[in-house]
Amino acid sequence: MQKMNKSSTLSQKQGKKELVRRTLAEDYPGLDYLGIHSVLNARYSWYRILWFSILSVCLLIGLFTIYRIIHEYVQVPSATLINVKSVDKLLLPQLTVCPTNAANIDLEKLEKNLFVANKNQIKEYSKEDVFNFAFYMIAGSGFQVVFLN
């Protein structure tokens, strides 16, 4: 009689465990991300205890953090002042667009229009000087100041 009683309580416990496992697997599939299914099927009880204690500590830390945030919000009130100012003209932000294609410069035209036209100011120059000047204009300040006719 006692064996039968033990076996019936054992089968009831196994039936409850199986019911819990099946319910969690079918109704709450998202719990598998937390590892609940693996823990419930774990072979060793120390693994379950360790896992549930780590999960409990993480949950308590989360609840404590929420409590601290709400407590700080209640204890230290803050005020926000918003001023709206309308303006007639709004400047666009400065934007520089760099082309992806290479810059093509006619060095002979540059030499003729810039260096030859200004012989009084530029007495001696070489082709290398013209090339260096063009390189400076591309890499440095740009051509917006120089007017080529």
C-alpha atoms as a PDB file:
ATOM      1  CA  MET A   1       0.000   0.000   0.000  1.00  0.00           C
ATOM      2  CA  GLN A   2       2.805   2.351   0.889  1.00  0.00           C
ATOM      3  CA  LYS A   3       4.627   1.601  -2.392  1.00  0.00           C
ATOM      4  CA  MET A   4       1.500   2.338  -4.321  1.00  0.00           C
ATOM      5  CA  ASN A   5       1.015   5.596  -2.421  1.00  0.00           C
ATOM      6  CA  LYS A   6       4.627   6.640  -3.173  1.00  0.00           C
ATOM      7  CA  SER A   7       4.292   5.770  -6.824  1.00  0.00           C
ATOM      8  CA  SER A   8       1.030   7.686  -7.133  1.00  0.00           C
ATOM      9  CA  THR A   9       2.529  10.809  -5.521  1.00  0.00           C
ATOM     10  CA  LEU A  10       5.586  10.427  -7.740  1.00  0.00           C
ATOM     11  CA  SER A  11       3.429  10.156 -10.837  1.00  0.00           C
ATOM     12  CA  GLN A  12       1.394  13.172  -9.688  1.00  0.00           C
ATOM     13  CA  LYS A  13       4.604  15.215  -9.273  1.00  0.00           C
ATOM     14  CA  GLN A  14       5.823  14.129 -12.691  1.00  0.00           C
ATOM     15  CA  GLY A  15       2.425  14.945 -14.161  1.00  0.00           C
ATOM     16  CA  LYS A  16       2.542  18.434 -12.638  1.00  0.00           C
ATOM     17  CA  LYS A  17       6.085  18.972 -13.919  1.00  0.00           C
ATOM     18  CA  GLU A  18       5.086  17.821 -17.372  1.00  0.00           C
ATOM     19  CA  LEU A  19       2.022  20.075 -17.305  1.00  0.00           C
ATOM     20  CA  VAL A  20       4.162  23.077 -16.319  1.00  0.00           C
ATOM     21  CA  ARG A  21       6.734  22.279 -19.024  1.00  0.00           C
ATOM     22  CA  ARG A  22       4.067  21.837 -21.693  1.00  0.00           C
ATOM     23  CA  THR A  23       2.233  25.017 -20.639  1.00  0.00           C
ATOM     24  CA  LEU A  24       5.435  27.062 -20.713  1.00  0.00           C
ATOM     25  CA  ALA A  25       6.491  25.612 -24.059  1.00  0.00           C
ATOM     26  CA  GLU A  26       3.149  26.113 -25.809  1.00  0.00           C
ATOM     27  CA  ASP A  27       1.721  29.243 -24.201  1.00  0.00           C
ATOM     28  CA  TYR A  28       4.908  31.216 -23.494  1.00  0.00           C
ATOM     29  CA  PRO A  29       7.462  30.479 -26.223  1.00  0.00           C
ATOM     30  CA  GLY A  30       9.259  33.755 -25.435  1.00  0.00           C
ATOM     31  CA  LEU A  31      10.454  32.334 -22.137  1.00  0.00           C
ATOM     32  CA  ASP A  32      12.821  30.101 -24.062  1.00  0.00           C
ATOM     33  CA  TYR A  33      15.045  33.165 -24.561  1.00  0.00           C
ATOM     34  CA  LEU A  34      15.507  33.303 -20.796  1.00  0.00           C
ATOM     35  CA  GLY A  35      16.465  29.643 -20.729  1.00  0.00           C
ATOM     36  CA  ILE A  36      13.536  28.506 -18.606  1.00  0.00           C
ATOM     37  CA  HIS A  37      12.936  25.407 -20.719  1.00  0.00           C
ATOM     38  CA  SER A  38      16.578  24.384 -20.416  1.00  0.00           C
ATOM     39  CA  VAL A  39      16.588  24.963 -16.676  1.00  0.00           C
ATOM     40  CA  LEU A  40      13.396  22.992 -16.108  1.00  0.00           C
ATOM     41  CA  ASN A  41      14.920  20.111 -18.054  1.00  0.00           C
ATOM     42  CA  ALA A  42      18.289  20.395 -16.270  1.00  0.00           C
ATOM     43  CA  ARG A  43      19.770  17.225 -14.919  1.00  0.00           C
ATOM     44  CA  TYR A  44      21.221  18.678 -11.711  1.00  0.00           C
ATOM     45  CA  SER A  45      19.300  20.635  -9.104  1.00  0.00           C
ATOM     46  CA  TRP A  46      22.287  22.902  -8.312  1.00  0.00           C
ATOM     47  CA  TYR A  47      22.070  24.209 -11.876  1.00  0.00           C
ATOM     48  CA  ARG A  48      18.439  25.192 -11.349  1.00  0.00           C
ATOM     49  CA  ILE A  49      19.228  26.867  -8.030  1.00  0.00           C
ATOM     50  CA  LEU A  50      22.146  28.787  -9.545  1.00  0.00           C
ATOM     51  CA  TRP A  51      20.117  29.891 -12.562  1.00  0.00           C
ATOM     52  CA  PHE A  52      17.102  31.001 -10.520  1.00  0.00           C
ATOM     53  CA  SER A  53      19.339  32.860  -8.049  1.00  0.00           C
ATOM     54  CA  ILE A  54      21.107  34.734 -10.885  1.00  0.00           C
ATOM     55  CA  LEU A  55      17.750  35.551 -12.474  1.00  0.00           C
ATOM     56  CA  SER A  56      16.410  36.728  -9.099  1.00  0.00           C
ATOM     57  CA  VAL A  57      19.448  38.950  -8.495  1.00  0.00           C
ATOM     58  CA  CYS A  58      19.083  40.524 -11.948  1.00  0.00           C
ATOM     59  CA  LEU A  59      15.374  41.095 -11.347  1.00  0.00           C
ATOM     60  CA  LEU A  60      16.061  42.677  -7.941  1.00  0.00           C
ATOM     61  CA  ILE A  61      18.739  44.960  -9.415  1.00  0.00           C
ATOM     62  CA  GLY A  62      16.287  46.046 -12.111  1.00  0.00           C
ATOM     63  CA  LEU A  63      13.548  46.749  -9.568  1.00  0.00           C
ATOM     64  CA  PHE A  64      15.989  48.656  -7.348  1.00  0.00           C
ATOM     65  CA  THR A  65      17.085  50.782 -10.306  1.00  0.00           C
ATOM     66  CA  ILE A  66      13.475  51.592 -11.157  1.00  0.00           C
ATOM     67  CA  TYR A  67      12.839  52.505  -7.504  1.00  0.00           C
ATOM     68  CA  ARG A  68      15.889  54.818  -7.417  1.00  0.00           C
ATOM     69  CA  ILE A  69      14.835  56.604 -10.606  1.00  0.00           C
ATOM     70  CA  ILE A  70      11.280  57.158  -9.351  1.00  0.00           C
ATOM     71  CA  HIS A  71      12.557  58.220  -5.911  1.00  0.00           C
ATOM     72  CA  GLU A  72      14.974  60.731  -7.462  1.00  0.00           C
ATOM     73  CA  TYR A  73      12.215  62.082  -9.694  1.00  0.00           C
ATOM     74  CA  VAL A  74       9.919  62.626  -6.697  1.00  0.00           C
ATOM     75  CA  GLN A  75      12.604  64.064  -4.383  1.00  0.00           C
ATOM     76  CA  VAL A  76      14.250  66.452  -6.860  1.00  0.00           C
ATOM     77  CA  PRO A  77      11.564  68.182  -8.880  1.00  0.00           C
ATOM     78  CA  SER A  78      12.671  69.842 -12.072  1.00  0.00           C
ATOM     79  CA  ALA A  79      11.150  72.558 -14.176  1.00  0.00           C
ATOM     80  CA  THR A  80      11.521  72.943 -17.887  1.00  0.00           C
ATOM     81  CA  LEU A  81      11.129  76.289 -19.585  1.00  0.00           C
ATOM     82  CA  ILE A  82      10.610  76.319 -23.322  1.00  0.00           C
ATOM     83  CA  ASN A  83      10.876  79.580 -25.229  1.00  0.00           C
ATOM     84  CA  VAL A  84       9.737  79.732 -28.823  1.00  0.00           C
ATOM     85  CA  LYS A  85      11.267  82.505 -30.907  1.00  0.00           C
ATOM     86  CA  SER A  86      10.213  83.148 -34.466  1.00  0.00           C
ATOM     87  CA  VAL A  87      12.693  84.528 -36.955  1.00  0.00           C
ATOM     88  CA  ASP A  88      12.074  86.086 -40.346  1.00  0.00           C
ATOM     89  CA  LYS A  89      15.049  84.532 -42.045  1.00  0.00           C
ATOM     90  CA  LEU A  90      16.709  81.241 -41.237  1.00  0.00           C
ATOM     91  CA  LEU A  91      20.202  80.620 -42.550  1.00  0.00           C
ATOM     92  CA  LEU A  92      20.950  77.233 -43.977  1.00  0.00           C
ATOM     93  CA  PRO A  93      23.895  75.360 -42.493  1.00  0.00           C
ATOM     94  CA  GLN A  94      27.223  75.633 -44.276  1.00  0.00           C
ATOM     95  CA  LEU A  95      27.630  72.735 -46.630  1.00  0.00           C
ATOM     96  CA  THR A  96      30.589  71.777 -48.780  1.00  0.00           C
ATOM     97  CA  VAL A  97      30.023  69.445 -51.693  1.00  0.00           C
ATOM     98  CA  CYS A  98      33.113  67.749 -53.022  1.00  0.00           C
ATOM     99  CA  PRO A  99      32.809  66.265 -56.500  1.00  0.00           C
ATOM    100  CA  THR A 100      33.867  62.688 -56.980  1.00  0.00           C
ATOM    101  CA  ASN A 101      35.254  63.268 -60.458  1.00  0.00           C
ATOM    102  CA  ALA A 102      38.737  64.655 -60.958  1.00  0.00           C
ATOM    103  CA  ALA A 103      39.120  68.384 -61.579  1.00  0.00           C
ATOM    104  CA  ASN A 104      40.155  69.151 -65.139  1.00  0.00           C
ATOM    105  CA  ILE A 105      42.131  72.349 -65.539  1.00  0.00           C
ATOM    106  CA  ASP A 106      43.583  73.661 -68.753  1.00  0.00           C
ATOM    107  CA  LEU A 107      47.051  74.715 -67.601  1.00  0.00           C
ATOM    108  CA  GLU A 108      47.790  76.581 -70.837  1.00  0.00           C
ATOM    109  CA  LYS A 109      44.640  78.696 -70.462  1.00  0.00           C
ATOM    110  CA  LEU A 110      45.496  79.314 -66.816  1.00  0.00           C
ATOM    111  CA  GLU A 111      49.009  80.406 -67.780  1.00  0.00           C
ATOM    112  CA  LYS A 112      47.765  82.667 -70.564  1.00  0.00           C
ATOM    113  CA  ASN A 113      44.972  84.339 -68.599  1.00  0.00           C
ATOM    114  CA  LEU A 114      46.688  84.642 -65.249  1.00  0.00           C
ATOM    115  CA  PHE A 115      50.439  84.693 -65.657  1.00  0.00           C
ATOM    116  CA  VAL A 116      50.880  86.293 -69.087  1.00  0.00           C
ATOM    117  CA  ALA A 117      48.176  88.886 -68.434  1.00  0.00           C
ATOM    118  CA  ASN A 118      49.927  89.923 -65.217  1.00  0.00           C
ATOM    119  CA  LYS A 119      53.511  90.112 -66.526  1.00  0.00           C
ATOM    120  CA  ASN A 120      54.140  93.276 -64.576  1.00  0.00           C
ATOM    121  CA  GLN A 121      53.482  91.554 -61.255  1.00  0.00           C
ATOM    122  CA  ILE A 122      54.798  88.067 -62.107  1.00  0.00           C
ATOM    123  CA  LYS A 123      58.154  88.429 -63.853  1.00  0.00           C
ATOM    124  CA  GLU A 124      59.543  84.889 -64.010  1.00  0.00           C
ATOM    125  CA  TYR A 125      57.625  81.642 -63.805  1.00  0.00           C
ATOM    126  CA  SER A 126      57.911  78.110 -65.086  1.00  0.00           C
ATOM    127  CA  LYS A 127      55.443  75.410 -66.074  1.00  0.00           C
ATOM    128  CA  GLU A 128      56.010  73.887 -62.653  1.00  0.00           C
ATOM    129  CA  ASP A 129      54.962  77.179 -61.019  1.00  0.00           C
ATOM    130  CA  VAL A 130      51.725  77.133 -63.057  1.00  0.00           C
ATOM    131  CA  PHE A 131      51.107  73.520 -62.039  1.00  0.00           C
ATOM    132  CA  ASN A 132      51.808  74.273 -58.350  1.00  0.00           C
ATOM    133  CA  PHE A 133      49.494  77.293 -58.486  1.00  0.00           C
ATOM    134  CA  ALA A 134      46.687  75.177 -59.986  1.00  0.00           C
ATOM    135  CA  PHE A 135      47.289  72.496 -57.358  1.00  0.00           C
ATOM    136  CA  TYR A 136      47.108  75.131 -54.609  1.00  0.00           C
ATOM    137  CA  MET A 137      43.854  76.508 -56.002  1.00  0.00           C
ATOM    138  CA  ILE A 138      42.259  73.050 -56.102  1.00  0.00           C
ATOM    139  CA  ALA A 139      43.530  71.851 -52.728  1.00  0.00           C
ATOM    140  CA  GLY A 140      43.634  75.174 -50.942  1.00  0.00           C
ATOM    141  CA  SER A 141      41.301  78.080 -51.243  1.00  0.00           C
ATOM    142  CA  GLY A 142      39.583  77.233 -54.520  1.00  0.00           C
ATOM    143  CA  PHE A 143      38.877  79.219 -57.663  1.00  0.00           C
ATOM    144  CA  GLN A 144      36.138  81.465 -56.298  1.00  0.00           C
ATOM    145  CA  VAL A 145      38.510  84.452 -55.952  1.00  0.00           C
ATOM    146  CA  VAL A 146      40.234  84.049 -59.321  1.00  0.00           C
ATOM    147  CA  PHE A 147      38.356  85.300 -62.389  1.00  0.00           C
ATOM    148  CA  LEU A 148      39.432  83.632 -65.621  1.00  0.00           C
ATOM    149  CA  ASN A 149      38.196  85.360 -68.792  1.00  0.00           C
END
